[in-house]
Amino acid sequence: MVLYNEMLHLRMQPTEVTYNSLLQCLSTRKDFYQDAFNILEKMKDDGFAPDVYTLTLLLKTAGRGGDAKTGEL
């Protein structure tokens, strides 16, 4: 999240690739579960709709976080 915050500080606009790359990193650890869903909200706020890759990453994140309910969505 440090690099993401640095991007914003430098007034660099994240892209869909930026968000998906960040989600890829966050999906590998269950302790970043909530951060991943916060990034999803920021992604949508910036006008990017989640694609199949984004949703696959979120499904992986939900599984690692033990959240079967979110995985059903």
N, C-alpha and C. Protein backbone atom coordinates (compact mmCIF):
# COMPACT_ATOMS: atom_id res chain seq x y z
N MET A 1 0.81 -1.19 0.00
CA MET A 1 0.00 0.00 0.00
C MET A 1 0.86 1.26 0.00
N VAL A 2 2.11 1.14 0.41
CA VAL A 2 3.00 2.29 0.45
C VAL A 2 3.20 2.86 -0.96
N LEU A 3 3.45 1.99 -1.93
CA LEU A 3 3.66 2.46 -3.30
C LEU A 3 2.39 3.09 -3.87
N TYR A 4 1.25 2.51 -3.57
CA TYR A 4 -0.02 3.08 -4.02
C TYR A 4 -0.20 4.48 -3.45
N ASN A 5 0.04 4.63 -2.16
CA ASN A 5 -0.08 5.95 -1.53
C ASN A 5 0.93 6.93 -2.09
N GLU A 6 2.12 6.45 -2.41
CA GLU A 6 3.14 7.31 -3.02
C GLU A 6 2.69 7.78 -4.41
N MET A 7 2.06 6.88 -5.16
CA MET A 7 1.53 7.25 -6.47
C MET A 7 0.52 8.40 -6.34
N LEU A 8 -0.38 8.25 -5.37
CA LEU A 8 -1.38 9.29 -5.16
C LEU A 8 -0.74 10.60 -4.73
N HIS A 9 0.26 10.50 -3.87
CA HIS A 9 0.98 11.69 -3.40
C HIS A 9 1.64 12.42 -4.57
N LEU A 10 2.14 11.67 -5.54
CA LEU A 10 2.78 12.25 -6.72
C LEU A 10 1.77 12.63 -7.81
N ARG A 11 0.50 12.51 -7.47
CA ARG A 11 -0.60 12.84 -8.40
C ARG A 11 -0.61 11.97 -9.65
N MET A 12 -0.17 10.72 -9.47
CA MET A 12 -0.23 9.75 -10.56
C MET A 12 -1.57 9.03 -10.48
N GLN A 13 -2.24 8.91 -11.60
CA GLN A 13 -3.56 8.28 -11.63
C GLN A 13 -3.43 6.78 -11.81
N PRO A 14 -3.91 5.99 -10.83
CA PRO A 14 -3.88 4.53 -10.99
C PRO A 14 -4.76 4.10 -12.18
N THR A 15 -4.35 3.03 -12.83
CA THR A 15 -5.12 2.47 -13.94
C THR A 15 -5.74 1.14 -13.48
N GLU A 16 -6.50 0.54 -14.37
CA GLU A 16 -7.07 -0.77 -14.07
C GLU A 16 -5.96 -1.79 -13.81
N VAL A 17 -4.88 -1.68 -14.56
CA VAL A 17 -3.74 -2.59 -14.37
C VAL A 17 -3.11 -2.36 -12.99
N THR A 18 -3.00 -1.11 -12.58
CA THR A 18 -2.46 -0.79 -11.26
C THR A 18 -3.30 -1.46 -10.17
N TYR A 19 -4.61 -1.28 -10.27
CA TYR A 19 -5.50 -1.85 -9.26
C TYR A 19 -5.44 -3.37 -9.25
N ASN A 20 -5.44 -3.99 -10.42
CA ASN A 20 -5.38 -5.45 -10.46
C ASN A 20 -4.03 -5.97 -9.96
N SER A 21 -2.97 -5.26 -10.23
CA SER A 21 -1.65 -5.66 -9.72
C SER A 21 -1.61 -5.58 -8.20
N LEU A 22 -2.19 -4.52 -7.68
CA LEU A 22 -2.24 -4.37 -6.23
C LEU A 22 -3.10 -5.46 -5.60
N LEU A 23 -4.23 -5.74 -6.23
CA LEU A 23 -5.09 -6.82 -5.72
C LEU A 23 -4.38 -8.17 -5.78
N GLN A 24 -3.58 -8.39 -6.82
CA GLN A 24 -2.81 -9.63 -6.92
C GLN A 24 -1.89 -9.78 -5.71
N CYS A 25 -1.22 -8.71 -5.34
CA CYS A 25 -0.33 -8.75 -4.18
C CYS A 25 -1.12 -8.98 -2.88
N LEU A 26 -2.22 -8.27 -2.74
CA LEU A 26 -3.01 -8.37 -1.51
C LEU A 26 -3.68 -9.73 -1.37
N SER A 27 -3.95 -10.39 -2.49
CA SER A 27 -4.67 -11.67 -2.44
C SER A 27 -3.81 -12.81 -1.91
N THR A 28 -2.52 -12.59 -1.78
CA THR A 28 -1.63 -13.68 -1.36
C THR A 28 -1.58 -13.85 0.15
N ARG A 29 -2.12 -12.87 0.90
CA ARG A 29 -2.04 -12.96 2.36
C ARG A 29 -3.39 -12.66 2.98
N LYS A 30 -3.82 -13.52 3.89
CA LYS A 30 -5.14 -13.34 4.48
C LYS A 30 -5.21 -12.11 5.39
N ASP A 31 -4.07 -11.64 5.89
CA ASP A 31 -4.12 -10.47 6.77
C ASP A 31 -4.35 -9.17 6.00
N PHE A 32 -4.35 -9.22 4.66
CA PHE A 32 -4.66 -8.05 3.84
C PHE A 32 -6.05 -8.14 3.23
N TYR A 33 -6.86 -9.02 3.78
CA TYR A 33 -8.22 -9.26 3.28
C TYR A 33 -9.01 -7.96 3.13
N GLN A 34 -9.12 -7.19 4.19
CA GLN A 34 -9.94 -5.98 4.15
C GLN A 34 -9.33 -4.93 3.21
N ASP A 35 -8.01 -4.86 3.17
CA ASP A 35 -7.34 -3.92 2.25
C ASP A 35 -7.74 -4.19 0.80
N ALA A 36 -7.84 -5.45 0.44
CA ALA A 36 -8.19 -5.81 -0.93
C ALA A 36 -9.58 -5.27 -1.29
N PHE A 37 -10.53 -5.41 -0.39
CA PHE A 37 -11.87 -4.93 -0.67
C PHE A 37 -11.96 -3.40 -0.60
N ASN A 38 -11.08 -2.78 0.17
CA ASN A 38 -10.99 -1.31 0.16
C ASN A 38 -10.46 -0.82 -1.19
N ILE A 39 -9.49 -1.55 -1.74
CA ILE A 39 -8.94 -1.20 -3.05
C ILE A 39 -10.02 -1.37 -4.12
N LEU A 40 -10.85 -2.40 -3.99
CA LEU A 40 -11.95 -2.58 -4.95
C LEU A 40 -12.85 -1.34 -4.94
N GLU A 41 -13.16 -0.84 -3.78
CA GLU A 41 -14.01 0.35 -3.70
C GLU A 41 -13.34 1.57 -4.33
N LYS A 42 -12.04 1.73 -4.09
CA LYS A 42 -11.31 2.84 -4.71
C LYS A 42 -11.28 2.69 -6.22
N MET A 43 -11.12 1.45 -6.68
CA MET A 43 -11.12 1.16 -8.12
C MET A 43 -12.44 1.59 -8.74
N LYS A 44 -13.55 1.22 -8.10
CA LYS A 44 -14.87 1.58 -8.61
C LYS A 44 -15.09 3.09 -8.52
N ASP A 45 -14.61 3.71 -7.45
CA ASP A 45 -14.73 5.17 -7.31
C ASP A 45 -14.01 5.90 -8.43
N ASP A 46 -12.91 5.30 -8.93
CA ASP A 46 -12.14 5.91 -10.02
C ASP A 46 -12.71 5.57 -11.40
N GLY A 47 -13.85 4.88 -11.41
CA GLY A 47 -14.53 4.62 -12.67
C GLY A 47 -14.17 3.33 -13.37
N PHE A 48 -13.45 2.44 -12.68
CA PHE A 48 -13.08 1.15 -13.28
C PHE A 48 -14.01 0.06 -12.77
N ALA A 49 -14.61 -0.64 -13.70
CA ALA A 49 -15.46 -1.77 -13.33
C ALA A 49 -14.59 -3.01 -13.17
N PRO A 50 -14.87 -3.81 -12.15
CA PRO A 50 -14.08 -5.04 -12.00
C PRO A 50 -14.34 -5.97 -13.20
N ASP A 51 -13.26 -6.56 -13.70
CA ASP A 51 -13.38 -7.52 -14.80
C ASP A 51 -13.25 -8.94 -14.23
N VAL A 52 -13.22 -9.92 -15.11
CA VAL A 52 -13.15 -11.31 -14.65
C VAL A 52 -11.86 -11.56 -13.86
N TYR A 53 -10.77 -10.92 -14.25
CA TYR A 53 -9.51 -11.08 -13.53
C TYR A 53 -9.62 -10.49 -12.12
N THR A 54 -10.22 -9.31 -12.01
CA THR A 54 -10.42 -8.67 -10.71
C THR A 54 -11.25 -9.56 -9.80
N LEU A 55 -12.35 -10.07 -10.33
CA LEU A 55 -13.23 -10.91 -9.52
C LEU A 55 -12.56 -12.22 -9.11
N THR A 56 -11.73 -12.76 -9.98
CA THR A 56 -10.98 -13.97 -9.64
C THR A 56 -10.02 -13.69 -8.48
N LEU A 57 -9.36 -12.54 -8.51
CA LEU A 57 -8.46 -12.16 -7.41
C LEU A 57 -9.23 -11.98 -6.11
N LEU A 58 -10.40 -11.38 -6.18
CA LEU A 58 -11.21 -11.17 -4.98
C LEU A 58 -11.74 -12.50 -4.43
N LEU A 59 -12.06 -13.41 -5.32
CA LEU A 59 -12.48 -14.74 -4.89
C LEU A 59 -11.33 -15.44 -4.15
N LYS A 60 -10.14 -15.32 -4.68
CA LYS A 60 -8.94 -15.88 -4.04
C LYS A 60 -8.74 -15.23 -2.67
N THR A 61 -8.91 -13.91 -2.60
CA THR A 61 -8.75 -13.19 -1.34
C THR A 61 -9.78 -13.65 -0.32
N ALA A 62 -11.03 -13.79 -0.75
CA ALA A 62 -12.08 -14.23 0.15
C ALA A 62 -11.79 -15.64 0.68
N GLY A 63 -11.29 -16.50 -0.20
CA GLY A 63 -10.94 -17.85 0.23
C GLY A 63 -9.83 -17.86 1.27
N ARG A 64 -8.82 -17.07 1.04
CA ARG A 64 -7.70 -17.00 2.00
C ARG A 64 -8.15 -16.39 3.32
N GLY A 65 -9.12 -15.47 3.23
CA GLY A 65 -9.62 -14.82 4.44
C GLY A 65 -10.69 -15.65 5.16
N GLY A 66 -11.02 -16.81 4.59
CA GLY A 66 -12.01 -17.68 5.23
C GLY A 66 -13.43 -17.16 5.10
N ASP A 67 -13.68 -16.32 4.10
CA ASP A 67 -14.98 -15.70 3.93
C ASP A 67 -15.74 -16.41 2.80
N ALA A 68 -16.36 -17.51 3.13
CA ALA A 68 -17.10 -18.28 2.13
C ALA A 68 -18.32 -17.51 1.63
N LYS A 69 -18.92 -16.69 2.47
CA LYS A 69 -20.11 -15.93 2.08
C LYS A 69 -19.79 -14.98 0.93
N THR A 70 -18.70 -14.23 1.01
CA THR A 70 -18.31 -13.32 -0.06
C THR A 70 -17.98 -14.10 -1.32
N GLY A 71 -17.39 -15.25 -1.16
CA GLY A 71 -17.04 -16.10 -2.30
C GLY A 71 -18.26 -16.56 -3.09
N GLU A 72 -19.43 -16.55 -2.46
CA GLU A 72 -20.66 -16.97 -3.14
C GLU A 72 -21.20 -15.90 -4.06
N LEU A 73 -20.77 -14.65 -3.87
CA LEU A 73 -21.35 -13.55 -4.66
C LEU A 73 -21.09 -13.70 -6.09
